[in-house]
Amino acid sequence: MACEMLKQKIHDRLKANMFSGENDYVDVFDDGEVDIRILIISRKFDDNGHRITERQTRVWNEIVDVMSEEESQLISQLVAVSPEEIKACPP
């Protein structure tokens, strides 16, 4: 199981700053025994013209200062999407 304290630090940073809206969804969860995945679903990604890689970079820049270099290597995936993009995905 990944470090609970690190997952909480990441979650708290994202909810306190970029994604504090009641409809912003932030989940930081285990990816295997050690690694961590981050999922963000937010209307802030609606029609803003940013590609997924740009979104990921913005999110990464928000959380990188709460992690050590070693901790940052535990992030295996970061997904930042709008609700419409989730709905458009086939089941």
Foldseek 3Di string as FASTA:
>chain_A
DADPVLQVLLVVLCCVPVNVDPPWDWDWDDDPDYAIEIEIEDCVQPPPPDDFVVVVVVSCVSRVVVDDPVNVVRHPYYGYYYPVVVVPDDD
